[in-house]
C-alpha atoms as a PDB file:
ATOM      1  CA  MET A   1     -11.489 -38.459  25.710  1.00  0.00           C
ATOM      2  CA  SER A   2     -11.692 -41.965  24.620  1.00  0.00           C
ATOM      3  CA  GLU A   3     -10.953 -43.689  21.467  1.00  0.00           C
ATOM      4  CA  ASN A   4     -14.619 -44.513  20.839  1.00  0.00           C
ATOM      5  CA  ASN A   5     -15.256 -40.671  20.960  1.00  0.00           C
ATOM      6  CA  PRO A   6     -14.175 -38.640  18.049  1.00  0.00           C
ATOM      7  CA  LYS A   7     -14.950 -35.173  19.033  1.00  0.00           C
ATOM      8  CA  PRO A   8     -11.679 -32.967  19.390  1.00  0.00           C
ATOM      9  CA  GLU A   9     -11.203 -31.091  22.026  1.00  0.00           C
ATOM     10  CA  ARG A  10     -11.841 -27.504  22.892  1.00  0.00           C
ATOM     11  CA  GLU A  11      -7.707 -26.809  23.154  1.00  0.00           C
ATOM     12  CA  GLU A  12      -7.145 -28.716  19.852  1.00  0.00           C
ATOM     13  CA  GLU A  13     -10.033 -26.064  17.740  1.00  0.00           C
ATOM     14  CA  LEU A  14      -8.598 -23.340  19.082  1.00  0.00           C
ATOM     15  CA  PRO A  15      -5.612 -22.935  16.548  1.00  0.00           C
ATOM     16  CA  ASP A  16      -8.107 -22.910  13.957  1.00  0.00           C
ATOM     17  CA  LEU A  17     -10.301 -19.895  14.904  1.00  0.00           C
ATOM     18  CA  ASP A  18      -7.528 -17.953  14.751  1.00  0.00           C
ATOM     19  CA  ARG A  19      -5.962 -19.027  12.482  1.00  0.00           C
ATOM     20  CA  PRO A  20      -6.340 -16.438   8.786  1.00  0.00           C
ATOM     21  CA  PHE A  21      -8.144 -17.278   6.121  1.00  0.00           C
ATOM     22  CA  PHE A  22      -7.663 -13.855   4.332  1.00  0.00           C
ATOM     23  CA  SER A  23      -4.382 -11.955   4.063  1.00  0.00           C
ATOM     24  CA  ALA A  24      -3.557  -8.561   1.558  1.00  0.00           C
ATOM     25  CA  VAL A  25       0.189  -6.645   1.637  1.00  0.00           C
ATOM     26  CA  LEU A  26      -0.708  -3.780  -0.356  1.00  0.00           C
ATOM     27  CA  THR A  27       2.321  -1.492  -1.362  1.00  0.00           C
ATOM     28  CA  PRO A  28       2.446   1.709  -4.059  1.00  0.00           C
ATOM     29  CA  HIS A  29       3.505   1.095  -7.520  1.00  0.00           C
ATOM     30  CA  ARG A  30       5.722   2.188  -8.830  1.00  0.00           C
ATOM     31  CA  SER A  31       6.761   2.443 -13.117  1.00  0.00           C
ATOM     32  CA  LEU A  32      10.234   2.942 -12.927  1.00  0.00           C
ATOM     33  CA  GLY A  33      12.302   0.906 -11.592  1.00  0.00           C
ATOM     34  CA  PRO A  34      15.995   1.875  -9.985  1.00  0.00           C
ATOM     35  CA  THR A  35      17.877   0.873 -13.787  1.00  0.00           C
ATOM     36  CA  GLY A  36      14.912   3.112 -15.748  1.00  0.00           C
ATOM     37  CA  PHE A  37      16.650   5.788 -12.300  1.00  0.00           C
ATOM     38  CA  MET A  38      19.642   5.466 -13.341  1.00  0.00           C
ATOM     39  CA  ILE A  39      19.487   5.747 -16.873  1.00  0.00           C
ATOM     40  CA  LEU A  40      17.309   8.669 -16.338  1.00  0.00           C
ATOM     41  CA  MET A  41      19.139  10.742 -13.990  1.00  0.00           C
ATOM     42  CA  CYS A  42      22.212   9.828 -16.817  1.00  0.00           C
ATOM     43  CA  VAL A  43      20.706  10.806 -20.046  1.00  0.00           C
ATOM     44  CA  PHE A  44      19.147  14.698 -18.220  1.00  0.00           C
ATOM     45  CA  GLY A  45      22.921  15.179 -16.834  1.00  0.00           C
ATOM     46  CA  VAL A  46      23.868  14.756 -20.208  1.00  0.00           C
ATOM     47  CA  VAL A  47      21.599  17.121 -21.198  1.00  0.00           C
ATOM     48  CA  CYS A  48      21.733  19.343 -18.782  1.00  0.00           C
ATOM     49  CA  PHE A  49      25.852  19.335 -19.450  1.00  0.00           C
ATOM     50  CA  CYS A  50      25.558  20.152 -22.892  1.00  0.00           C
ATOM     51  CA  ALA A  51      23.078  22.692 -22.377  1.00  0.00           C
ATOM     52  CA  GLY A  52      25.110  24.406 -19.608  1.00  0.00           C
ATOM     53  CA  VAL A  53      28.085  24.500 -21.825  1.00  0.00           C
ATOM     54  CA  LEU A  54      26.752  25.899 -24.946  1.00  0.00           C
ATOM     55  CA  PHE A  55      25.074  28.931 -22.130  1.00  0.00           C
ATOM     56  CA  LEU A  56      29.061  28.908 -20.744  1.00  0.00           C
ATOM     57  CA  TRP A  57      30.166  29.146 -24.329  1.00  0.00           C
ATOM     58  CA  ILE A  58      28.230  31.858 -25.260  1.00  0.00           C
ATOM     59  CA  GLY A  59      28.909  33.671 -21.637  1.00  0.00           C
ATOM     60  CA  ALA A  60      25.910  33.180 -19.491  1.00  0.00           C
ATOM     61  CA  TRP A  61      28.142  31.217 -16.848  1.00  0.00           C
ATOM     62  CA  PRO A  62      26.223  30.975 -14.157  1.00  0.00           C
ATOM     63  CA  VAL A  63      22.894  29.264 -16.469  1.00  0.00           C
ATOM     64  CA  PHE A  64      25.785  26.371 -16.078  1.00  0.00           C
ATOM     65  CA  GLY A  65      24.744  26.346 -12.287  1.00  0.00           C
ATOM     66  CA  PHE A  66      20.886  26.014 -12.404  1.00  0.00           C
ATOM     67  CA  PHE A  67      21.352  23.389 -14.404  1.00  0.00           C
ATOM     68  CA  GLY A  68      23.816  21.540 -12.056  1.00  0.00           C
ATOM     69  CA  LEU A  69      20.570  22.350  -9.679  1.00  0.00           C
ATOM     70  CA  ASP A  70      17.728  21.210 -11.799  1.00  0.00           C
ATOM     71  CA  ILE A  71      19.742  17.747 -12.178  1.00  0.00           C
ATOM     72  CA  ALA A  72      19.704  18.198  -7.753  1.00  0.00           C
ATOM     73  CA  LEU A  73      16.157  18.820  -7.521  1.00  0.00           C
ATOM     74  CA  LEU A  74      15.074  16.107  -9.870  1.00  0.00           C
ATOM     75  CA  TRP A  75      17.544  12.935  -8.168  1.00  0.00           C
ATOM     76  CA  PHE A  76      15.498  14.871  -5.070  1.00  0.00           C
ATOM     77  CA  ALA A  77      12.679  14.013  -6.076  1.00  0.00           C
ATOM     78  CA  PHE A  78      12.494  10.669  -7.449  1.00  0.00           C
ATOM     79  CA  ARG A  79      14.518   9.639  -3.688  1.00  0.00           C
ATOM     80  CA  LEU A  80      10.784  11.267  -2.237  1.00  0.00           C
ATOM     81  CA  ASN A  81       8.587   9.285  -4.119  1.00  0.00           C
ATOM     82  CA  TYR A  82      11.128   5.802  -3.607  1.00  0.00           C
ATOM     83  CA  ARG A  83      11.032   6.865  -0.224  1.00  0.00           C
ATOM     84  CA  SER A  84       7.111   7.160   0.080  1.00  0.00           C
ATOM     85  CA  ALA A  85       7.248   3.776  -2.126  1.00  0.00           C
ATOM     86  CA  GLN A  86       8.093   1.652   1.254  1.00  0.00           C
ATOM     87  CA  THR A  87       4.648   2.357   2.590  1.00  0.00           C
ATOM     88  CA  PHE A  88       2.796  -1.021   2.440  1.00  0.00           C
ATOM     89  CA  GLU A  89      -0.675  -1.846   4.171  1.00  0.00           C
ATOM     90  CA  GLU A  90      -0.799  -5.543   5.840  1.00  0.00           C
ATOM     91  CA  VAL A  91      -4.793  -6.901   6.038  1.00  0.00           C
ATOM     92  CA  VAL A  92      -5.237 -10.184   7.921  1.00  0.00           C
ATOM     93  CA  VAL A  93      -8.245 -11.091   8.418  1.00  0.00           C
ATOM     94  CA  SER A  94      -9.580 -14.446  10.710  1.00  0.00           C
ATOM     95  CA  ARG A  95     -12.983 -15.638  12.013  1.00  0.00           C
ATOM     96  CA  GLN A  96     -11.741 -14.220  15.626  1.00  0.00           C
ATOM     97  CA  GLU A  97     -10.882 -10.409  14.204  1.00  0.00           C
ATOM     98  CA  ILE A  98      -9.439  -8.270  11.529  1.00  0.00           C
ATOM     99  CA  ALA A  99      -5.988  -6.800  11.807  1.00  0.00           C
ATOM    100  CA  VAL A 100      -4.833  -4.180   9.522  1.00  0.00           C
ATOM    101  CA  ARG A 101      -1.135  -2.742   9.997  1.00  0.00           C
ATOM    102  CA  LYS A 102      -0.214   0.023   7.929  1.00  0.00           C
ATOM    103  CA  VAL A 103       3.768   0.949   8.314  1.00  0.00           C
ATOM    104  CA  GLY A 104       4.079   4.406   6.464  1.00  0.00           C
ATOM    105  CA  PRO A 105       7.309   5.747   5.468  1.00  0.00           C
ATOM    106  CA  GLY A 106      10.749   5.657   8.191  1.00  0.00           C
ATOM    107  CA  LYS A 107       8.877   2.501   8.703  1.00  0.00           C
ATOM    108  CA  LYS A 108       5.805   4.782  11.294  1.00  0.00           C
ATOM    109  CA  LEU A 109       3.511   1.601  12.444  1.00  0.00           C
ATOM    110  CA  GLN A 110      -0.188   2.167  13.058  1.00  0.00           C
ATOM    111  CA  GLU A 111      -2.088  -1.127  14.019  1.00  0.00           C
ATOM    112  CA  TYR A 112      -6.171  -1.603  14.488  1.00  0.00           C
ATOM    113  CA  ARG A 113      -7.769  -4.644  15.541  1.00  0.00           C
ATOM    114  CA  PHE A 114     -11.381  -4.749  14.707  1.00  0.00           C
ATOM    115  CA  ASN A 115     -14.150  -7.612  15.619  1.00  0.00           C
ATOM    116  CA  PRO A 116     -15.450  -8.903  12.256  1.00  0.00           C
ATOM    117  CA  PHE A 117     -18.909  -8.852  13.235  1.00  0.00           C
ATOM    118  CA  TRP A 118     -18.480  -5.369  14.533  1.00  0.00           C
ATOM    119  CA  VAL A 119     -16.968  -4.290  11.933  1.00  0.00           C
ATOM    120  CA  ARG A 120     -18.647  -3.217   8.686  1.00  0.00           C
ATOM    121  CA  LEU A 121     -16.990  -2.164   5.185  1.00  0.00           C
ATOM    122  CA  THR A 122     -17.962   1.008   3.165  1.00  0.00           C
ATOM    123  CA  VAL A 123     -16.986   1.570  -0.282  1.00  0.00           C
ATOM    124  CA  LYS A 124     -17.091   4.739  -1.960  1.00  0.00           C
ATOM    125  CA  ARG A 125     -17.926   4.600  -6.061  1.00  0.00           C
ATOM    126  CA  LEU A 126     -17.971   7.257  -8.691  1.00  0.00           C
ATOM    127  CA  GLU A 127     -19.263   6.635 -12.199  1.00  0.00           C
ATOM    128  CA  ASP A 128     -16.127   8.160 -14.162  1.00  0.00           C
ATOM    129  CA  GLU A 129     -13.094   6.089 -11.760  1.00  0.00           C
ATOM    130  CA  GLY A 130     -14.685   3.312  -9.750  1.00  0.00           C
ATOM    131  CA  VAL A 131     -14.132   3.075  -6.591  1.00  0.00           C
ATOM    132  CA  VAL A 132     -11.759   5.549  -4.739  1.00  0.00           C
ATOM    133  CA  LYS A 133     -12.598   4.879  -1.190  1.00  0.00           C
ATOM    134  CA  VAL A 134     -12.905   1.778   0.870  1.00  0.00           C
ATOM    135  CA  SER A 135     -12.688   1.837   4.353  1.00  0.00           C
ATOM    136  CA  LEU A 136     -13.598  -0.470   7.702  1.00  0.00           C
ATOM    137  CA  VAL A 137     -15.740   1.240   9.807  1.00  0.00           C
ATOM    138  CA  SER A 138     -16.414   0.397  14.027  1.00  0.00           C
ATOM    139  CA  ARG A 139     -17.802   1.542  16.877  1.00  0.00           C
ATOM    140  CA  GLY A 140     -17.070   5.349  15.384  1.00  0.00           C
ATOM    141  CA  GLU A 141     -13.215   4.309  14.381  1.00  0.00           C
ATOM    142  CA  THR A 142     -12.811   3.731  10.886  1.00  0.00           C
ATOM    143  CA  VAL A 143      -9.341   3.049   8.762  1.00  0.00           C
ATOM    144  CA  GLU A 144      -8.946   3.837   5.181  1.00  0.00           C
ATOM    145  CA  LEU A 145      -7.418   0.885   3.122  1.00  0.00           C
ATOM    146  CA  GLY A 146      -5.512   1.474   0.588  1.00  0.00           C
ATOM    147  CA  ASN A 147      -5.541   4.835  -1.169  1.00  0.00           C
ATOM    148  CA  PHE A 148      -2.686   4.430  -2.852  1.00  0.00           C
ATOM    149  CA  LEU A 149      -3.610   2.541  -5.041  1.00  0.00           C
ATOM    150  CA  ASN A 150      -5.556   2.994  -8.883  1.00  0.00           C
ATOM    151  CA  PRO A 151      -9.084   2.325  -9.269  1.00  0.00           C
ATOM    152  CA  ASP A 152      -8.646  -1.218 -10.479  1.00  0.00           C
ATOM    153  CA  ASP A 153      -6.476  -2.248  -8.135  1.00  0.00           C
ATOM    154  CA  ARG A 154      -8.829  -0.991  -5.425  1.00  0.00           C
ATOM    155  CA  THR A 155     -11.863  -2.194  -6.774  1.00  0.00           C
ATOM    156  CA  SER A 156     -10.125  -5.774  -7.246  1.00  0.00           C
ATOM    157  CA  PHE A 157      -9.894  -5.330  -3.474  1.00  0.00           C
ATOM    158  CA  ALA A 158     -12.925  -4.050  -2.152  1.00  0.00           C
ATOM    159  CA  GLY A 159     -14.405  -7.347  -3.703  1.00  0.00           C
ATOM    160  CA  ALA A 160     -11.477  -9.695  -1.946  1.00  0.00           C
ATOM    161  CA  MET A 161     -12.563  -7.898   1.346  1.00  0.00           C
ATOM    162  CA  ALA A 162     -16.058  -7.855   0.815  1.00  0.00           C
ATOM    163  CA  ASN A 163     -16.026 -11.862   0.031  1.00  0.00           C
ATOM    164  CA  ALA A 164     -13.253 -12.504   3.399  1.00  0.00           C
ATOM    165  CA  LEU A 165     -15.881 -10.718   5.973  1.00  0.00           C
ATOM    166  CA  ALA A 166     -18.956 -12.716   4.583  1.00  0.00           C
ATOM    167  CA  ILE A 167     -16.556 -15.693   5.464  1.00  0.00           C
ATOM    168  CA  ALA A 168     -15.498 -14.215   8.770  1.00  0.00           C
ATOM    169  CA  LYS A 169     -19.322 -12.881   9.274  1.00  0.00           C
ATOM    170  CA  ALA A 170     -20.617 -16.507   8.936  1.00  0.00           C
ATOM    171  CA  GLY A 171     -18.097 -18.279  10.886  1.00  0.00           C
ATOM    172  CA  GLY A 172     -15.054 -18.783   8.601  1.00  0.00           C
ATOM    173  CA  VAL A 173     -14.112 -21.692   5.760  1.00  0.00           C
END
C-alpha cells in the first residue's frame, strides 16, 4: 500500500467487523437488599421470640420450637431467592454474530452464537401485560431472553434488541 492510496488494507478492517455495537447485561431485580434483609430477619425474629415466650409461659412449650423453625424457613427461602438473583444474561451484537451468554445459579453457563442475517427476533405481547416473551430464533433453535425481567424492562429490551438486529442486518453502524 502506498501513501497515495488512502484505502485501508483488508486486515485493518477485520477488527471493526467483530467489534460489538450493542451489549446488554440482563439481571433480575431484587427489591430487598442485604440491609433490608437483616432488618426483616431481626424484626421477624423478635416477634417470633416474643410469641414463643408467651406460649412457653402458658405451658405450650413445643410451640416455641416451631417459631424457631419459622425463622429458619424464612431465612432459607430468602437465601434461595438471593442465589437465583445471581443469574444474568449477556447479549452482544456485532456485524458478524450475536452472542448470548446465560449464567444461572451455581454458575451454570450456556452460550449461543447466531449469524445476524439468519436470526429472527420474536416478541410475544399480551394486551393487558405488554411484552411477555422475547426470543431469538435461528434454524430451528430458539433462545428466550430476559424471562426474569418485568414487562416494562422486557419491552425496553425488545425495542433495543430489534434496533440492534436491524443495524446488524444493514451492515453495521
